[in-house]
Amino acid sequence: MEVKTVYFENVKDDNTIETFKLAEERLRVLGIKKLVLASTTGSTAKRAMYFFKDKGVQLIVIPHQYDFNRKENAFPKELVKTLKENGHEVHFGTMLFHTDKLYSSNVPMIIANFLRRFCEGVKVCYEIVLMASDACLLTNGEKVIAVAGTGKGSDTALVMQAASTRNLEKLRVNEIICKPLNSYELQK
């Protein structure tokens, strides 16, 4: 089996549309109907809503949890309403890998730091699929495409088999569609 993987040389917001195009191709080829998307301010979610309009794709948008780094969530409440009116889901849940000392454990941060060795977007893809599964928006084993990024916009897309945090060992990455080539060096 041979499948194309794209590596972005630069971490930049311009990678978002290319990431969407690459994800769309794999959605179509694999017959996947759900795309799990990280979006902090709603900008990426809005772009995805228009990009995937009338393409038979349901977005499951995962913004930052409430009370994360600011008093008010950056994701607009009006956009939540608009996304839901267009058949998409929005879930504000606990960001598992950003919860220091969760239940007196540093395991979430160890997992997060390990996944960041691939890139920030890979870590976020794992996190958002787990969060969507915990919210009963995905079923264990369901194939989805997860899209996330490094900083602003999207630059990482993975074909994944969903699992909840209760079944963490069943979470799988089937394909790397795209990611930054060397995001650590680019973030220095």
Protein backbone atom coordinates (compact mmCIF):
# COMPACT_ATOMS: atom_id res chain seq x y z
CA MET A 1 0.00 0.00 0.00
CA GLU A 2 1.29 3.41 -0.88
CA VAL A 3 -0.22 6.63 0.47
CA LYS A 4 1.05 10.19 0.09
CA THR A 5 2.22 12.13 3.15
CA VAL A 6 2.90 15.87 2.90
CA TYR A 7 5.47 17.60 5.10
CA PHE A 8 5.23 21.38 5.43
CA GLU A 9 8.62 23.10 5.47
CA ASN A 10 7.26 26.13 7.33
CA VAL A 11 4.79 26.48 10.18
CA LYS A 12 2.34 29.13 9.00
CA ASP A 13 -1.38 29.84 8.77
CA ASP A 14 -1.17 29.44 4.97
CA ASN A 15 -0.97 25.65 5.48
CA THR A 16 -4.62 25.52 6.58
CA ILE A 17 -6.32 25.33 3.18
CA GLU A 18 -3.75 22.84 1.89
CA THR A 19 -4.35 20.72 5.01
CA PHE A 20 -8.11 20.87 4.35
CA LYS A 21 -7.59 19.83 0.70
CA LEU A 22 -5.43 16.88 1.72
CA ALA A 23 -7.95 15.83 4.41
CA GLU A 24 -10.82 16.15 1.92
CA GLU A 25 -9.09 13.78 -0.48
CA ARG A 26 -8.63 11.12 2.23
CA LEU A 27 -12.22 11.61 3.49
CA ARG A 28 -13.47 10.91 -0.02
CA VAL A 29 -11.18 7.95 -0.74
CA LEU A 30 -11.79 6.28 2.64
CA GLY A 31 -15.50 7.13 2.88
CA ILE A 32 -15.02 8.87 6.23
CA LYS A 33 -17.80 11.30 7.18
CA LYS A 34 -16.42 12.97 10.35
CA LEU A 35 -13.57 15.41 10.75
CA VAL A 36 -12.44 16.35 14.27
CA LEU A 37 -10.97 19.86 14.27
CA ALA A 38 -9.08 21.90 16.85
CA SER A 39 -10.01 25.59 16.85
CA THR A 40 -9.11 28.05 19.59
CA THR A 41 -10.59 31.34 18.36
CA GLY A 42 -13.10 29.93 15.86
CA SER A 43 -11.21 31.21 12.83
CA THR A 44 -10.15 27.72 11.70
CA ALA A 45 -13.62 26.32 12.44
CA LYS A 46 -15.25 29.02 10.33
CA ARG A 47 -12.85 28.35 7.44
CA ALA A 48 -13.54 24.60 7.71
CA MET A 49 -17.31 25.13 7.81
CA TYR A 50 -17.16 26.98 4.48
CA PHE A 51 -14.53 24.71 2.94
CA PHE A 52 -16.43 21.46 3.71
CA LYS A 53 -19.90 22.90 3.00
CA ASP A 54 -22.05 20.51 0.95
CA LYS A 55 -19.33 17.83 0.96
CA GLY A 56 -21.10 15.40 3.32
CA VAL A 57 -18.64 15.99 6.16
CA GLN A 58 -19.64 16.58 9.76
CA LEU A 59 -17.20 18.74 11.71
CA ILE A 60 -16.63 18.02 15.38
CA VAL A 61 -14.97 21.20 16.59
CA ILE A 62 -12.97 21.11 19.81
CA PRO A 63 -12.08 24.56 21.21
CA HIS A 64 -10.07 25.19 24.37
CA GLN A 65 -11.82 24.23 27.55
CA TYR A 66 -13.40 26.98 29.60
CA ASP A 67 -11.06 28.72 32.05
CA PHE A 68 -7.96 27.90 29.98
CA ASN A 69 -5.47 30.79 30.10
CA ARG A 70 -8.15 33.50 30.16
CA LYS A 71 -11.28 34.56 31.98
CA GLU A 72 -13.47 34.22 28.91
CA ASN A 73 -13.26 31.57 26.21
CA ALA A 74 -11.92 32.90 22.88
CA PHE A 75 -14.33 30.78 20.80
CA PRO A 76 -17.39 32.92 19.92
CA LYS A 77 -20.75 31.71 21.24
CA GLU A 78 -22.43 32.90 18.03
CA LEU A 79 -20.17 30.60 16.00
CA VAL A 80 -21.14 27.64 18.19
CA LYS A 81 -24.76 28.33 17.26
CA THR A 82 -23.94 28.71 13.55
CA LEU A 83 -21.93 25.48 13.45
CA LYS A 84 -24.70 23.54 15.17
CA GLU A 85 -27.33 25.02 12.82
CA ASN A 86 -25.20 23.66 9.95
CA GLY A 87 -25.16 20.12 11.38
CA HIS A 88 -21.79 20.24 13.11
CA GLU A 89 -20.82 19.63 16.74
CA VAL A 90 -18.84 21.80 19.14
CA HIS A 91 -17.47 20.34 22.37
CA PHE A 92 -15.80 22.25 25.19
CA GLY A 93 -14.23 19.49 27.29
CA THR A 94 -11.25 18.94 29.53
CA MET A 95 -8.04 19.23 27.56
CA LEU A 96 -6.50 16.01 28.81
CA PHE A 97 -2.88 16.78 28.02
CA HIS A 98 -3.04 20.31 29.45
CA THR A 99 -4.26 19.28 32.85
CA ASP A 100 -1.24 19.34 35.13
CA LYS A 101 -1.43 16.90 38.00
CA LEU A 102 -4.72 15.40 36.75
CA TYR A 103 -5.80 13.17 39.61
CA SER A 104 -2.37 13.78 41.21
CA SER A 105 -0.57 12.32 38.19
CA ASN A 106 1.95 13.73 35.73
CA VAL A 107 1.12 11.01 33.16
CA PRO A 108 -0.91 13.37 30.90
CA MET A 109 2.06 15.72 30.57
CA ILE A 110 4.43 12.81 29.88
CA ILE A 111 2.14 11.63 27.07
CA ALA A 112 1.78 15.19 25.73
CA ASN A 113 5.53 15.80 25.70
CA PHE A 114 6.14 12.46 23.98
CA LEU A 115 3.58 13.21 21.24
CA ARG A 116 5.09 16.68 20.71
CA ARG A 117 8.25 14.91 19.46
CA PHE A 118 6.23 14.27 16.27
CA CYS A 119 4.81 17.83 16.34
CA GLU A 120 2.34 19.93 18.33
CA GLY A 121 -0.45 19.05 15.90
CA VAL A 122 -0.03 15.29 16.47
CA LYS A 123 -0.40 15.86 20.21
CA VAL A 124 -3.54 17.92 19.64
CA CYS A 125 -5.02 15.35 17.22
CA TYR A 126 -4.71 12.64 19.88
CA GLU A 127 -6.21 14.95 22.48
CA ILE A 128 -9.22 16.09 20.44
CA VAL A 129 -10.15 12.58 19.30
CA LEU A 130 -10.06 11.40 22.92
CA MET A 131 -12.16 14.41 23.98
CA ALA A 132 -14.74 13.84 21.21
CA SER A 133 -14.94 10.14 22.12
CA ASP A 134 -15.40 10.93 25.81
CA ALA A 135 -18.26 13.25 24.81
CA CYS A 136 -19.93 10.39 22.88
CA LEU A 137 -19.47 12.23 19.57
CA LEU A 138 -17.37 9.31 18.25
CA THR A 139 -17.54 5.58 18.90
CA ASN A 140 -14.59 3.39 19.78
CA GLY A 141 -12.93 2.16 16.59
CA GLU A 142 -14.69 4.72 14.35
CA LYS A 143 -12.39 6.03 11.61
CA VAL A 144 -12.12 9.81 11.53
CA ILE A 145 -9.74 12.44 10.30
CA ALA A 146 -8.30 14.71 12.99
CA VAL A 147 -6.95 18.14 12.03
CA ALA A 148 -4.92 20.43 14.27
CA GLY A 149 -2.03 22.85 14.04
CA THR A 150 1.03 24.49 15.45
CA GLY A 151 0.08 27.87 16.85
CA LYS A 152 -2.33 29.39 14.33
CA GLY A 153 -4.29 27.49 11.67
CA SER A 154 -3.96 23.83 10.69
CA ASP A 155 -0.90 21.94 9.50
CA THR A 156 -1.47 18.40 10.77
CA ALA A 157 -4.01 15.81 9.64
CA LEU A 158 -4.21 12.17 10.72
CA VAL A 159 -6.53 9.29 9.87
CA MET A 160 -7.35 7.83 13.27
CA GLN A 161 -9.47 5.15 14.90
CA ALA A 162 -11.24 6.80 17.80
CA ALA A 163 -11.16 5.66 21.41
CA SER A 164 -12.20 7.14 24.72
CA THR A 165 -9.78 7.85 27.55
CA ARG A 166 -11.11 4.70 29.22
CA ASN A 167 -9.85 2.76 26.18
CA LEU A 168 -6.72 4.80 25.46
CA GLU A 169 -4.77 1.74 24.33
CA LYS A 170 -7.22 1.33 21.42
CA LEU A 171 -6.59 4.79 19.94
CA ARG A 172 -4.80 4.36 16.61
CA VAL A 173 -3.19 6.47 13.92
CA ASN A 174 -3.79 4.77 10.59
CA GLU A 175 -2.21 7.43 8.36
CA ILE A 176 -0.29 10.66 8.59
CA ILE A 177 -1.80 12.87 5.91
CA CYS A 178 0.37 15.90 6.64
CA LYS A 179 2.44 17.54 9.35
CA PRO A 180 5.25 20.06 9.72
CA LEU A 181 8.61 18.59 8.74
CA ASN A 182 10.49 19.92 11.73
CA SER A 183 8.27 22.05 13.92
CA TYR A 184 10.67 22.03 16.88
CA GLU A 185 13.40 23.79 14.92
CA LEU A 186 10.87 26.24 13.47
CA GLN A 187 9.55 27.22 16.92
CA LYS A 188 12.95 28.22 18.40
